[in-house]
Amino acid sequence: MAKDACEQGRIFLNDKPAKPGAEVKVGDKVFVQFGNGSLLVEVMALTESCRKEDAPGMYRVIE
């Protein structure tokens, strides 16, 4: 799904269209367009593996 969204130009990484293989770093801003809405988040943490309980601390919703 993420690959398709990137290829359709619906995901931006730091204000540039994201490519499916783009590496995300702490501090990056990710903008996602979906349906009638959109979401802008800042990456706060990255780990090799993540439990569902840890996910909310890994990003901050900006708008």
Protein backbone atom coordinates (compact mmCIF):
# COMPACT_ATOMS: atom_id res chain seq x y z
CA MET A 1 0.00 0.00 0.00
CA ALA A 2 2.73 2.46 0.92
CA LYS A 3 4.56 1.77 -2.36
CA ASP A 4 1.40 2.48 -4.35
CA ALA A 5 0.73 5.68 -2.39
CA CYS A 6 4.28 6.90 -3.10
CA GLU A 7 3.99 6.09 -6.78
CA GLN A 8 0.67 7.96 -6.94
CA GLY A 9 2.28 11.09 -5.45
CA ARG A 10 0.27 11.00 -2.23
CA ILE A 11 3.21 10.90 0.20
CA PHE A 12 5.77 13.65 0.72
CA LEU A 13 8.95 13.48 2.79
CA ASN A 14 10.20 16.89 3.91
CA ASP A 15 8.07 18.65 1.26
CA LYS A 16 9.37 16.48 -1.61
CA PRO A 17 7.52 13.60 -3.26
CA ALA A 18 8.58 10.39 -1.49
CA LYS A 19 9.96 7.44 -3.40
CA PRO A 20 9.06 3.92 -2.21
CA GLY A 21 12.64 3.22 -1.03
CA ALA A 22 13.19 6.54 0.75
CA GLU A 23 14.87 6.33 4.15
CA VAL A 24 13.11 8.13 6.97
CA LYS A 25 15.13 9.75 9.78
CA VAL A 26 14.24 11.23 13.15
CA GLY A 27 13.06 14.79 12.61
CA ASP A 28 11.67 14.14 9.12
CA LYS A 29 8.19 15.39 8.30
CA VAL A 30 5.87 13.03 6.42
CA PHE A 31 2.74 14.31 4.66
CA VAL A 32 0.13 11.75 3.56
CA GLN A 33 -2.92 12.47 1.39
CA PHE A 34 -5.76 9.96 1.61
CA GLY A 35 -9.37 10.18 0.51
CA ASN A 36 -10.63 13.64 1.41
CA GLY A 37 -8.10 14.12 4.22
CA SER A 38 -4.42 14.53 4.87
CA LEU A 39 -2.00 14.07 7.75
CA LEU A 40 1.34 15.70 8.56
CA VAL A 41 3.54 13.99 11.16
CA GLU A 42 7.07 14.43 12.48
CA VAL A 43 9.18 11.31 13.08
CA MET A 44 10.24 11.28 16.75
CA ALA A 45 11.96 7.87 17.04
CA LEU A 46 12.92 4.86 14.94
CA THR A 47 13.61 1.28 16.00
CA GLU A 48 14.35 -2.01 14.22
CA SER A 49 11.15 -3.52 15.61
CA CYS A 50 8.19 -1.94 17.29
CA ARG A 51 5.34 -3.10 19.46
CA LYS A 52 1.92 -1.58 18.91
CA GLU A 53 2.12 0.05 22.36
CA ASP A 54 5.35 1.89 21.40
CA ALA A 55 4.05 3.36 18.12
CA PRO A 56 2.37 6.53 19.53
CA GLY A 57 5.73 7.76 20.89
CA MET A 58 7.44 7.39 17.52
CA TYR A 59 5.64 10.27 15.80
CA ARG A 60 3.95 13.59 16.54
CA VAL A 61 0.91 14.76 14.60
CA ILE A 62 1.46 18.31 13.34
CA GLU A 63 -1.81 18.75 11.43
